[in-house]
């Protein structure tokens, strides 16, 4: 559908919603009125921009007509000056309209579940997984978002074989979603006596939290195992078994939580992870069917895809999806990753804008 047709359809729907909200039977039904008001508010920005765009377009046409007709020199000069100003406003509004029409990810405002797993590299990969966890938790702290560890498998030297945690905050998924993929590190390990640079990797998966209505799970499809939470070296740290492992039998997806002392709380958290993983599986299946697993410019976010390299000897971080390199590695690992995320998000927006046809 051409942009002009889409704008006309949005305008018509906006007017239809406005009229419906004024009907007495709708006004008396609070839930229906709220739903209509919410849909109308989502269209409001586009409608306002479109109307302003049309208004300026009309003024621009009038000014051009004055210049074409000629006549009074002073009036023609005023029209020329106005055209120059209006053309700038018209072009600016066109870009705003295109951005407003970009498809919005309905999951952007959700909390997220982040899973970090050590990949190739042994102990060094586990230490790097811990570095990534600290980077993300400090990033969340800077934005006043709350992080909660769901489960962690630690190594004896301060690393993580795997760590799963939640991030609670408005818009968390809109930022963290660009972090999915393989993160590679190049540095001299603490245990390296010859000073040789090793390459290790960790995998990051970012899942939007799922509502119960989105992912319906039958109790009969679950296998629940209760076990003792363990600390370093597999030692039991609780006398009462409270850790929970839940297996969704139809899909084979497993989630567990051992961070809480309460078995009930661990079950709630494990179910949250399970729902998110099942939703992620469904979304990936749908995307593969619809898009044929098409790779976008910034990548698919697939967990097998190398997205970034952290090179310690050269103080360099390179994002391979967009070819950007930064030389402030300590700051980035301290959670100052907004600039990097912004660059990837901007690149994705530019790609989407290229697909838009002119108004």
Protein backbone atom coordinates (compact mmCIF):
# COMPACT_ATOMS: atom_id res chain seq x y z
CA UNK A 1 0.00 0.00 0.00
CA UNK A 2 1.36 3.43 -0.97
CA UNK A 3 2.05 5.88 1.85
CA UNK A 4 -0.69 8.25 0.66
CA UNK A 5 -3.20 5.39 0.79
CA UNK A 6 -1.99 4.37 4.25
CA UNK A 7 -2.33 7.95 5.50
CA UNK A 8 -5.85 8.22 4.08
CA UNK A 9 -6.81 4.93 5.78
CA UNK A 10 -5.34 6.09 9.11
CA UNK A 11 -7.18 9.42 8.86
CA UNK A 12 -10.46 7.62 8.11
CA UNK A 13 -9.99 5.22 11.04
CA UNK A 14 -9.16 8.12 13.35
CA UNK A 15 -12.39 9.92 12.42
CA UNK A 16 -14.35 6.66 12.77
CA UNK A 17 -12.96 6.12 16.29
CA UNK A 18 -13.70 9.72 17.27
CA UNK A 19 -17.32 9.32 16.14
CA UNK A 20 -17.75 5.99 17.94
CA UNK A 21 -16.42 7.40 21.21
CA UNK A 22 -19.18 10.01 21.08
CA UNK A 23 -21.97 7.41 20.84
CA UNK A 24 -24.01 7.06 24.09
CA UNK A 25 -23.81 3.24 24.25
CA UNK A 26 -20.02 3.32 23.84
CA UNK A 27 -19.63 6.10 26.43
CA UNK A 28 -21.51 3.90 28.91
CA UNK A 29 -19.21 0.93 28.30
CA UNK A 30 -15.97 1.90 30.06
CA UNK A 31 -13.87 -1.03 28.85
CA UNK A 32 -14.88 -0.49 25.21
CA UNK A 33 -14.39 3.26 25.51
CA UNK A 34 -10.90 2.70 26.95
CA UNK A 35 -9.97 0.34 24.09
CA UNK A 36 -11.18 2.81 21.45
CA UNK A 37 -9.38 5.70 23.18
CA UNK A 38 -6.16 3.69 23.28
CA UNK A 39 -6.35 2.88 19.56
CA UNK A 40 -7.17 6.51 18.75
CA UNK A 41 -4.22 7.80 20.78
CA UNK A 42 -1.88 5.51 18.80
CA UNK A 43 -3.03 7.17 15.56
CA UNK A 44 -3.00 10.72 16.91
CA UNK A 45 0.62 11.58 16.15
CA UNK A 46 0.39 10.41 12.53
CA UNK A 47 -2.91 12.25 11.96
CA UNK A 48 -1.56 15.51 13.44
CA UNK A 49 1.61 15.34 11.33
CA UNK A 50 -0.38 14.48 8.20
CA UNK A 51 -2.75 17.41 8.67
CA UNK A 52 0.13 19.82 9.23
CA UNK A 53 1.90 18.35 6.20
CA UNK A 54 -1.20 18.94 4.05
CA UNK A 55 -1.68 22.47 5.41
CA UNK A 56 1.89 23.46 4.58
CA UNK A 57 1.56 21.75 1.21
CA UNK A 58 -1.46 23.92 0.46
CA UNK A 59 0.37 27.10 1.48
CA UNK A 60 3.33 26.04 -0.65
CA UNK A 61 1.09 25.55 -3.68
CA UNK A 62 -0.43 29.03 -3.21
CA UNK A 63 2.99 30.69 -2.94
CA UNK A 64 4.23 28.90 -6.06
CA UNK A 65 1.12 30.00 -7.93
CA UNK A 66 1.86 33.65 -7.06
CA UNK A 67 5.40 33.33 -8.43
CA UNK A 68 4.18 31.62 -11.61
CA UNK A 69 1.52 34.28 -12.23
CA UNK A 70 4.05 37.12 -11.84
CA UNK A 71 2.63 40.59 -11.24
CA UNK A 72 3.73 42.82 -8.37
CA UNK A 73 7.49 42.38 -7.84
CA UNK A 74 7.30 42.89 -4.09
CA UNK A 75 4.53 40.29 -3.75
CA UNK A 76 6.47 37.80 -5.90
CA UNK A 77 9.60 38.28 -3.77
CA UNK A 78 7.60 37.70 -0.58
CA UNK A 79 6.18 34.52 -2.13
CA UNK A 80 9.69 33.33 -3.06
CA UNK A 81 10.90 33.89 0.51
CA UNK A 82 7.88 32.02 1.82
CA UNK A 83 8.50 29.12 -0.57
CA UNK A 84 12.06 28.72 0.74
CA UNK A 85 10.81 28.56 4.34
CA UNK A 86 7.85 26.29 3.59
CA UNK A 87 9.92 23.82 1.55
CA UNK A 88 12.18 23.25 4.54
CA UNK A 89 9.21 22.71 6.86
CA UNK A 90 7.53 20.42 4.30
CA UNK A 91 10.65 18.23 3.93
CA UNK A 92 11.09 18.03 7.71
CA UNK A 93 7.47 16.99 8.20
CA UNK A 94 7.81 14.38 5.47
CA UNK A 95 10.69 12.73 7.35
CA UNK A 96 8.73 12.86 10.62
CA UNK A 97 5.74 11.26 8.90
CA UNK A 98 7.87 8.47 7.47
CA UNK A 99 9.31 7.74 10.91
CA UNK A 100 5.87 7.82 12.51
CA UNK A 101 4.69 5.27 9.94
CA UNK A 102 7.52 2.84 10.61
CA UNK A 103 6.22 -0.46 12.01
CA UNK A 104 6.33 -0.41 15.79
CA UNK A 105 7.37 -3.48 17.73
CA UNK A 106 4.52 -4.06 20.21
CA UNK A 107 7.02 -5.68 22.58
CA UNK A 108 9.30 -2.63 22.86
CA UNK A 109 7.93 -1.41 26.19
CA UNK A 110 8.18 -4.77 27.92
CA UNK A 111 10.53 -6.06 30.59
CA UNK A 112 13.12 -8.52 29.34
CA UNK A 113 14.78 -11.76 30.28
CA UNK A 114 18.45 -11.83 29.33
CA UNK A 115 20.36 -15.10 29.04
CA UNK A 116 24.16 -15.05 28.85
CA UNK A 117 26.05 -18.29 28.19
CA UNK A 118 29.79 -18.87 27.97
CA UNK A 119 30.78 -20.17 24.56
CA UNK A 120 34.16 -21.23 23.20
CA UNK A 121 37.09 -20.39 25.43
CA UNK A 122 36.63 -22.31 28.68
CA UNK A 123 37.26 -20.29 31.85
CA UNK A 124 38.05 -17.17 29.84
CA UNK A 125 34.62 -17.36 28.15
CA UNK A 126 32.98 -17.69 31.56
CA UNK A 127 34.84 -14.61 32.81
CA UNK A 128 33.72 -12.72 29.72
CA UNK A 129 30.10 -13.79 30.39
CA UNK A 130 30.49 -12.22 33.85
CA UNK A 131 31.86 -9.03 32.24
CA UNK A 132 28.80 -8.85 29.98
CA UNK A 133 26.46 -9.37 32.94
CA UNK A 134 28.14 -6.51 34.84
CA UNK A 135 27.94 -4.31 31.73
CA UNK A 136 24.22 -4.90 31.34
CA UNK A 137 23.40 -4.58 35.04
CA UNK A 138 25.30 -1.26 35.23
CA UNK A 139 23.53 -0.08 32.08
CA UNK A 140 20.19 -0.93 33.71
CA UNK A 141 21.23 0.88 36.92
CA UNK A 142 22.07 4.02 34.96
CA UNK A 143 18.53 3.99 33.53
CA UNK A 144 16.98 3.27 36.95
CA UNK A 145 15.85 -0.17 35.80
CA UNK A 146 15.75 -3.07 38.23
CA UNK A 147 17.64 -6.32 37.57
CA UNK A 148 16.91 -9.67 39.23
CA UNK A 149 18.97 -12.82 38.80
CA UNK A 150 16.82 -15.86 38.04
CA UNK A 151 19.51 -18.52 37.84
CA UNK A 152 23.27 -18.65 37.59
CA UNK A 153 25.88 -21.35 37.10
CA UNK A 154 29.12 -19.93 38.48
CA UNK A 155 32.72 -21.02 38.07
CA UNK A 156 35.22 -21.03 40.89
CA UNK A 157 37.13 -18.03 39.46
CA UNK A 158 34.28 -15.53 39.29
CA UNK A 159 32.84 -16.37 35.89
CA UNK A 160 29.48 -17.68 34.71
CA UNK A 161 28.84 -20.74 32.60
CA UNK A 162 25.34 -19.31 32.33
CA UNK A 163 23.37 -16.52 33.96
CA UNK A 164 19.71 -15.65 33.41
CA UNK A 165 18.29 -12.39 34.74
CA UNK A 166 15.30 -10.10 34.40
CA UNK A 167 15.39 -6.38 33.65
CA UNK A 168 12.31 -4.43 34.75
CA UNK A 169 11.89 -1.00 33.17
CA UNK A 170 9.81 0.88 30.65
CA UNK A 171 11.25 0.34 27.18
CA UNK A 172 13.75 -2.29 28.33
CA UNK A 173 13.18 -4.53 25.31
CA UNK A 174 13.49 -1.60 22.88
CA UNK A 175 17.13 -1.22 24.01
CA UNK A 176 18.25 -4.72 24.96
CA UNK A 177 16.87 -6.39 21.81
CA UNK A 178 19.89 -5.19 19.83
CA UNK A 179 22.22 -7.20 22.11
CA UNK A 180 21.10 -10.68 20.97
CA UNK A 181 23.86 -12.66 19.33
CA UNK A 182 27.44 -13.84 19.81
CA UNK A 183 29.83 -11.45 21.57
CA UNK A 184 33.53 -12.17 21.00
CA UNK A 185 36.43 -11.08 23.21
CA UNK A 186 40.13 -10.90 22.34
CA UNK A 187 42.52 -10.47 25.26
CA UNK A 188 45.34 -12.05 27.25
CA UNK A 189 43.78 -14.34 29.90
CA UNK A 190 44.93 -14.06 33.51
CA UNK A 191 46.18 -17.64 33.32
CA UNK A 192 48.25 -17.05 30.15
CA UNK A 193 51.96 -17.02 31.02
CA UNK A 194 53.26 -16.32 27.50
CA UNK A 195 51.19 -13.15 27.01
CA UNK A 196 49.31 -14.60 24.04
CA UNK A 197 45.96 -13.17 23.00
CA UNK A 198 43.08 -15.62 23.19
CA UNK A 199 39.70 -15.36 21.48
CA UNK A 200 36.63 -16.41 23.45
CA UNK A 201 32.91 -15.90 23.05
CA UNK A 202 29.64 -15.66 24.94
CA UNK A 203 26.11 -15.87 23.64
CA UNK A 204 23.43 -13.34 24.61
CA UNK A 205 19.71 -13.99 24.14
CA UNK A 206 17.17 -11.26 24.91
CA UNK A 207 13.55 -12.33 25.35
CA UNK A 208 10.58 -10.01 25.96
CA UNK A 209 8.54 -11.16 28.92
CA UNK A 210 5.33 -12.85 27.82
CA UNK A 211 1.86 -12.41 29.25
CA UNK A 212 -0.09 -15.49 30.30
CA UNK A 213 -2.74 -14.74 27.66
CA UNK A 214 -0.09 -14.78 24.92
CA UNK A 215 1.33 -18.14 25.88
CA UNK A 216 -1.22 -20.55 27.26
CA UNK A 217 0.48 -23.41 29.06
CA UNK A 218 -1.48 -26.43 30.21
CA UNK A 219 -0.49 -27.73 33.64
CA UNK A 220 -0.61 -31.27 32.25
CA UNK A 221 2.16 -30.35 29.79
CA UNK A 222 4.61 -29.49 32.57
CA UNK A 223 7.14 -31.61 34.43
CA UNK A 224 8.31 -29.91 37.62
CA UNK A 225 11.49 -30.97 39.43
CA UNK A 226 12.51 -29.63 42.84
CA UNK A 227 16.16 -29.71 43.89
CA UNK A 228 18.72 -28.08 46.17
CA UNK A 229 20.29 -24.83 44.95
CA UNK A 230 24.05 -25.19 44.71
CA UNK A 231 26.93 -22.79 45.13
CA UNK A 232 30.55 -22.89 44.02
CA UNK A 233 31.77 -26.37 43.20
CA UNK A 234 28.28 -27.85 43.40
CA UNK A 235 27.98 -27.46 47.18
CA UNK A 236 24.46 -27.29 48.56
CA UNK A 237 23.75 -23.89 50.05
CA UNK A 238 20.25 -24.68 51.35
CA UNK A 239 19.08 -27.56 53.52
CA UNK A 240 15.55 -27.31 52.12
CA UNK A 241 15.08 -28.05 48.41
CA UNK A 242 13.71 -24.86 46.86
CA UNK A 243 15.20 -24.63 43.36
CA UNK A 244 12.66 -25.33 40.62
CA UNK A 245 13.17 -26.78 37.15
CA UNK A 246 10.16 -26.81 34.80
CA UNK A 247 10.08 -28.72 31.51
CA UNK A 248 7.45 -27.98 28.88
CA UNK A 249 7.05 -31.51 27.55
CA UNK A 250 5.53 -30.70 24.09
CA UNK A 251 8.43 -28.42 23.11
CA UNK A 252 11.20 -29.74 25.36
CA UNK A 253 11.88 -26.19 26.58
CA UNK A 254 13.33 -26.07 30.11
CA UNK A 255 13.49 -23.19 32.60
CA UNK A 256 14.76 -23.14 36.14
CA UNK A 257 15.20 -20.72 39.03
CA UNK A 258 17.21 -21.11 42.20
CA UNK A 259 17.78 -17.50 43.23
CA UNK A 260 14.95 -17.26 45.77
CA UNK A 261 14.75 -19.15 49.07
CA UNK A 262 11.06 -19.74 48.50
CA UNK A 263 10.08 -22.65 46.24
CA UNK A 264 6.89 -20.79 45.26
CA UNK A 265 8.81 -17.67 44.20
CA UNK A 266 11.28 -19.76 42.22
CA UNK A 267 8.38 -21.45 40.42
CA UNK A 268 6.85 -18.08 39.47
CA UNK A 269 10.18 -16.88 38.05
CA UNK A 270 10.81 -20.15 36.23
CA UNK A 271 7.34 -19.96 34.64
CA UNK A 272 8.10 -16.40 33.51
CA UNK A 273 11.26 -17.62 31.76
CA UNK A 274 9.41 -20.59 30.28
CA UNK A 275 6.68 -18.37 28.81
CA UNK A 276 9.27 -15.99 27.36
CA UNK A 277 11.18 -18.87 25.73
CA UNK A 278 8.02 -20.39 24.24
CA UNK A 279 6.93 -16.98 22.92
CA UNK A 280 10.41 -16.44 21.45
CA UNK A 281 10.18 -19.82 19.71
CA UNK A 282 6.75 -18.98 18.26
CA UNK A 283 7.87 -15.51 17.08
CA UNK A 284 10.96 -16.98 15.38
CA UNK A 285 8.84 -19.59 13.62
CA UNK A 286 6.41 -16.91 12.39
CA UNK A 287 9.24 -14.65 11.21
CA UNK A 288 10.86 -17.53 9.34
CA UNK A 289 7.57 -18.33 7.59
CA UNK A 290 6.77 -14.72 6.70
CA UNK A 291 10.21 -13.42 5.79
CA UNK A 292 11.95 -16.61 4.73
CA UNK A 293 14.57 -15.88 7.41
CA UNK A 294 15.59 -12.73 5.50
CA UNK A 295 18.64 -11.05 7.02
CA UNK A 296 18.29 -7.32 7.63
CA UNK A 297 21.19 -4.90 7.50
CA UNK A 298 21.69 -5.00 11.26
CA UNK A 299 21.38 -8.77 11.25
CA UNK A 300 18.73 -11.15 12.45
CA UNK A 301 19.74 -11.08 16.09
CA UNK A 302 20.18 -14.84 15.82
CA UNK A 303 22.15 -16.35 18.63
CA UNK A 304 24.56 -17.97 16.17
CA UNK A 305 25.46 -14.63 14.60
CA UNK A 306 28.62 -12.81 15.69
CA UNK A 307 27.55 -9.23 16.37
CA UNK A 308 30.41 -7.63 18.28
CA UNK A 309 34.11 -7.99 19.12
CA UNK A 310 35.77 -6.58 22.25
CA UNK A 311 39.52 -6.28 21.61
CA UNK A 312 41.38 -5.40 24.82
CA UNK A 313 44.95 -4.89 23.46
CA UNK A 314 43.67 -2.28 20.97
CA UNK A 315 41.03 -0.80 23.33
CA UNK A 316 38.55 -1.42 20.53
CA UNK A 317 34.91 -2.51 20.29
CA UNK A 318 33.56 -3.29 16.81
CA UNK A 319 29.92 -3.89 15.99
CA UNK A 320 30.00 -6.08 12.88
CA UNK A 321 26.37 -5.47 11.91
CA UNK A 322 26.96 -1.83 11.05
CA UNK A 323 30.76 -1.67 10.81
CA UNK A 324 31.21 0.83 13.65
CA UNK A 325 34.31 0.82 15.86
CA UNK A 326 34.75 2.61 19.20
CA UNK A 327 37.88 3.00 21.32
CA UNK A 328 36.46 3.33 24.83
CA UNK A 329 36.24 -0.31 25.89
CA UNK A 330 36.50 0.23 29.71
CA UNK A 331 33.66 2.78 29.57
CA UNK A 332 31.49 0.45 27.48
CA UNK A 333 32.07 -2.46 29.85
CA UNK A 334 31.07 -0.10 32.66
CA UNK A 335 27.61 0.09 31.11
CA UNK A 336 27.99 3.17 28.90
CA UNK A 337 26.58 1.45 25.82
CA UNK A 338 23.85 3.92 24.81
CA UNK A 339 25.92 5.34 21.94
CA UNK A 340 26.53 1.86 20.55
CA UNK A 341 22.87 0.83 20.85
CA UNK A 342 21.78 4.14 19.30
CA UNK A 343 24.05 3.53 16.30
CA UNK A 344 22.55 0.08 15.66
CA UNK A 345 18.99 1.37 16.17
CA UNK A 346 19.60 4.30 13.81
CA UNK A 347 20.98 1.98 11.16
CA UNK A 348 17.91 -0.22 11.41
CA UNK A 349 15.64 2.84 11.18
CA UNK A 350 17.51 4.03 8.08
CA UNK A 351 17.03 0.63 6.47
CA UNK A 352 13.29 0.72 7.17
CA UNK A 353 13.03 4.30 5.88
CA UNK A 354 14.62 3.23 2.58
CA UNK A 355 11.80 0.78 2.14
CA UNK A 356 9.22 3.56 2.48
CA UNK A 357 8.05 5.12 -0.77
CA UNK A 358 7.92 8.89 -1.17
CA UNK A 359 4.77 10.68 0.03
